Amino acid sequence: MEPLQIRSLVQRSGPLLLGALIGISGVGVVMLLSSPARGDPILLAEPADIRVHVAGEVLHPGVYELPIGSILQDAIDAAGGFSGEASEDRVNLAAALNDGQQVYVPAVSEAVPPSSDRVGSTEPISVNVASAPELERLPGIGPVIAQRIVEYREQNGPYQRLEDLLEVEGIGPAKLESLQEYVQLP
């Protein structure tokens, strides 16, 4: 065939080739969408519950499993409610709970020191004077972050603003917000 004949053949069959290509592609898409899934599906695990130790003036002190996002009121309810001796106004029923946390409901007759280890208590802890073990009493603060808070304070001087805690590795905006009611700066 001569080049002119080949060009003419391509021009005449071009729309036919384009139609065939579109048809084959369409069939492929339909087959892909209608074919059954292969392999095992990936199942996302449900978030685990948290465990909270409820102590002090409640009817049934103990360790309770609660859904993530629970507040202190949920823990008190799980423990059967306040006892007759509970100092209900010294705990923040709206405080968010964390896994492994202990909450303590003091008695009316009980004096609560300012650096109390009772996380349910509303008495704040001073991050500028507290030791690492005292800081561990804060919700969501374990030994590693407590030590980092102390080390930062020793290297940079006292915390001037609550937001200074954001400079400590492991403390982000959400954790800082959860600490606001438990932390004081002199």
Protein backbone atom coordinates (compact mmCIF):
# COMPACT_ATOMS: atom_id res chain seq x y z
CA MET A 1 0.00 0.00 0.00
CA GLU A 2 1.08 3.48 -0.69
CA PRO A 3 1.31 6.11 2.03
CA LEU A 4 -1.72 7.95 0.65
CA GLN A 5 -3.85 4.80 0.83
CA ILE A 6 -2.73 4.09 4.41
CA ARG A 7 -3.60 7.61 5.49
CA SER A 8 -7.03 7.35 3.90
CA LEU A 9 -7.63 3.99 5.62
CA VAL A 10 -6.68 5.44 9.01
CA GLN A 11 -8.96 8.45 8.52
CA ARG A 12 -11.91 6.23 7.61
CA SER A 13 -11.34 3.70 10.43
CA GLY A 14 -10.37 6.25 13.13
CA PRO A 15 -13.91 6.71 14.49
CA LEU A 16 -14.38 2.94 14.43
CA LEU A 17 -11.16 2.41 16.43
CA LEU A 18 -12.12 5.14 18.89
CA GLY A 19 -15.56 3.57 19.38
CA ALA A 20 -14.01 0.15 19.95
CA LEU A 21 -11.58 1.58 22.51
CA ILE A 22 -14.39 3.34 24.40
CA GLY A 23 -16.52 0.19 24.31
CA ILE A 24 -13.73 -2.01 25.67
CA SER A 25 -12.98 0.52 28.40
CA GLY A 26 -16.65 0.71 29.37
CA VAL A 27 -16.93 -3.08 29.60
CA GLY A 28 -13.81 -3.13 31.78
CA VAL A 29 -15.24 -0.54 34.19
CA VAL A 30 -18.55 -2.42 34.45
CA MET A 31 -16.73 -5.70 35.13
CA LEU A 32 -14.54 -4.03 37.75
CA LEU A 33 -17.47 -2.48 39.58
CA SER A 34 -19.64 -5.58 39.46
CA SER A 35 -16.99 -8.11 40.47
CA PRO A 36 -17.10 -9.43 44.05
CA ALA A 37 -14.49 -8.19 46.50
CA ARG A 38 -11.49 -10.40 46.99
CA GLY A 39 -9.58 -11.03 50.20
CA ASP A 40 -10.64 -10.40 53.74
CA PRO A 41 -12.14 -7.04 54.64
CA ILE A 42 -10.27 -4.85 57.10
CA LEU A 43 -12.29 -4.51 60.28
CA LEU A 44 -11.69 -1.49 62.45
CA ALA A 45 -11.65 -2.28 66.15
CA GLU A 46 -14.10 -0.53 68.41
CA PRO A 47 -12.35 1.76 70.89
CA ALA A 48 -11.69 0.06 74.18
CA ASP A 49 -13.29 1.17 77.41
CA ILE A 50 -11.30 2.98 80.08
CA ARG A 51 -10.79 1.65 83.61
CA VAL A 52 -11.20 4.08 86.49
CA HIS A 53 -10.62 3.49 90.20
CA VAL A 54 -13.38 5.16 92.21
CA ALA A 55 -12.47 5.56 95.89
CA GLY A 56 -13.59 7.44 98.97
CA GLU A 57 -17.16 8.29 99.86
CA VAL A 58 -19.11 6.29 97.28
CA LEU A 59 -21.41 3.35 97.96
CA HIS A 60 -19.29 0.75 96.12
CA PRO A 61 -15.64 1.79 95.72
CA GLY A 62 -13.71 -0.16 93.11
CA VAL A 63 -12.42 -0.29 89.55
CA TYR A 64 -15.02 0.29 86.85
CA GLU A 65 -14.93 0.01 83.05
CA LEU A 66 -16.54 3.02 81.40
CA PRO A 67 -16.83 4.15 77.79
CA ILE A 68 -14.21 6.49 76.40
CA GLY A 69 -15.43 10.06 76.90
CA SER A 70 -16.92 9.37 80.32
CA ILE A 71 -16.94 12.07 82.99
CA LEU A 72 -16.63 11.85 86.77
CA GLN A 73 -20.43 11.76 87.15
CA ASP A 74 -20.44 8.48 85.15
CA ALA A 75 -17.84 6.96 87.50
CA ILE A 76 -19.77 8.04 90.60
CA ASP A 77 -22.95 6.52 89.13
CA ALA A 78 -21.12 3.25 88.36
CA ALA A 79 -19.96 3.13 91.98
CA GLY A 80 -23.56 3.39 93.22
CA GLY A 81 -23.55 7.12 93.90
CA PHE A 82 -22.30 9.22 96.80
CA SER A 83 -22.35 7.91 100.36
CA GLY A 84 -24.05 9.95 103.07
CA GLU A 85 -20.68 11.35 104.19
CA ALA A 86 -19.53 12.54 100.71
CA SER A 87 -18.45 16.13 100.21
CA GLU A 88 -20.13 16.41 96.81
CA ASP A 89 -19.17 20.05 96.27
CA ARG A 90 -15.43 19.24 96.38
CA VAL A 91 -15.45 17.14 93.19
CA ASN A 92 -15.99 18.30 89.64
CA LEU A 93 -18.65 15.98 88.25
CA ALA A 94 -18.00 17.25 84.71
CA ALA A 95 -14.26 16.37 84.76
CA ALA A 96 -13.18 14.12 81.87
CA LEU A 97 -11.77 10.73 82.84
CA ASN A 98 -8.70 8.94 81.51
CA ASP A 99 -7.75 5.28 81.47
CA GLY A 100 -6.03 4.23 84.69
CA GLN A 101 -7.15 7.29 86.63
CA GLN A 102 -8.12 7.21 90.29
CA VAL A 103 -10.85 9.52 91.47
CA TYR A 104 -11.44 10.17 95.14
CA VAL A 105 -14.56 11.55 96.76
CA PRO A 106 -13.61 13.11 100.12
CA ALA A 107 -15.79 13.02 103.22
CA VAL A 108 -17.35 16.22 104.55
CA SER A 109 -15.16 15.92 107.66
CA GLU A 110 -11.97 15.35 105.65
CA ALA A 111 -9.41 18.11 105.09
CA VAL A 112 -7.94 18.05 101.58
CA PRO A 113 -4.39 19.43 101.28
CA PRO A 114 -3.61 21.74 98.32
CA SER A 115 -1.36 19.14 96.63
CA SER A 116 -3.82 16.34 97.20
CA ASP A 117 -3.40 13.03 95.39
CA ARG A 118 -7.14 12.87 95.03
CA VAL A 119 -7.78 13.71 91.37
CA GLY A 120 -11.52 14.06 91.94
CA SER A 121 -10.75 16.93 94.26
CA THR A 122 -10.99 20.46 92.90
CA GLU A 123 -7.81 21.58 94.68
CA PRO A 124 -5.24 22.57 91.99
CA ILE A 125 -1.58 21.53 91.87
CA SER A 126 1.12 24.15 91.29
CA VAL A 127 3.31 23.10 88.35
CA ASN A 128 6.02 25.48 89.59
CA VAL A 129 6.58 23.69 92.91
CA ALA A 130 5.16 20.18 92.53
CA SER A 131 7.45 17.17 92.31
CA ALA A 132 7.15 14.62 89.49
CA PRO A 133 5.16 12.19 91.71
CA GLU A 134 2.77 15.01 92.66
CA LEU A 135 2.32 15.94 88.98
CA GLU A 136 1.42 12.32 88.21
CA ARG A 137 -1.77 12.93 90.18
CA LEU A 138 -2.99 15.16 87.34
CA PRO A 139 -5.36 13.49 84.86
CA GLY A 140 -3.50 12.10 81.86
CA ILE A 141 -0.03 12.78 83.30
CA GLY A 142 2.18 9.75 83.79
CA PRO A 143 5.75 9.49 85.07
CA VAL A 144 7.41 10.44 81.76
CA ILE A 145 5.44 13.64 81.17
CA ALA A 146 5.60 14.56 84.86
CA GLN A 147 9.40 14.32 84.70
CA ARG A 148 9.44 16.43 81.51
CA ILE A 149 7.37 19.13 83.24
CA VAL A 150 9.90 19.26 86.10
CA GLU A 151 12.91 19.23 83.72
CA TYR A 152 11.45 22.03 81.61
CA ARG A 153 10.85 24.09 84.77
CA GLU A 154 14.42 23.45 85.97
CA GLN A 155 15.94 24.41 82.59
CA ASN A 156 13.71 27.40 81.75
CA GLY A 157 12.54 28.74 85.09
CA PRO A 158 9.00 28.83 86.47
CA TYR A 159 6.02 28.57 84.17
CA GLN A 160 4.63 32.06 83.60
CA ARG A 161 1.44 31.08 81.75
CA LEU A 162 -0.54 27.87 81.53
CA GLU A 163 0.20 27.81 77.78
CA ASP A 164 3.92 27.38 78.62
CA LEU A 165 3.09 23.72 79.28
CA LEU A 166 2.65 23.32 75.51
CA GLU A 167 6.45 23.51 75.29
CA VAL A 168 6.67 20.19 77.16
CA GLU A 169 6.87 17.21 74.81
CA GLY A 170 3.71 15.14 75.18
CA ILE A 171 1.41 18.03 76.09
CA GLY A 172 -0.76 19.30 73.27
CA PRO A 173 -3.78 21.62 73.19
CA ALA A 174 -6.27 18.88 74.15
CA LYS A 175 -4.24 17.71 77.15
CA LEU A 176 -3.64 21.31 78.23
CA GLU A 177 -7.37 21.97 78.13
CA SER A 178 -8.05 18.90 80.29
CA LEU A 179 -5.48 20.11 82.86
CA GLN A 180 -6.73 23.71 83.22
CA GLU A 181 -8.92 23.13 86.25
CA TYR A 182 -6.27 21.03 88.07
CA VAL A 183 -3.20 23.27 87.55
CA GLN A 184 -2.32 26.54 89.20
CA LEU A 185 0.48 29.00 88.65
CA PRO A 186 1.51 31.09 91.66
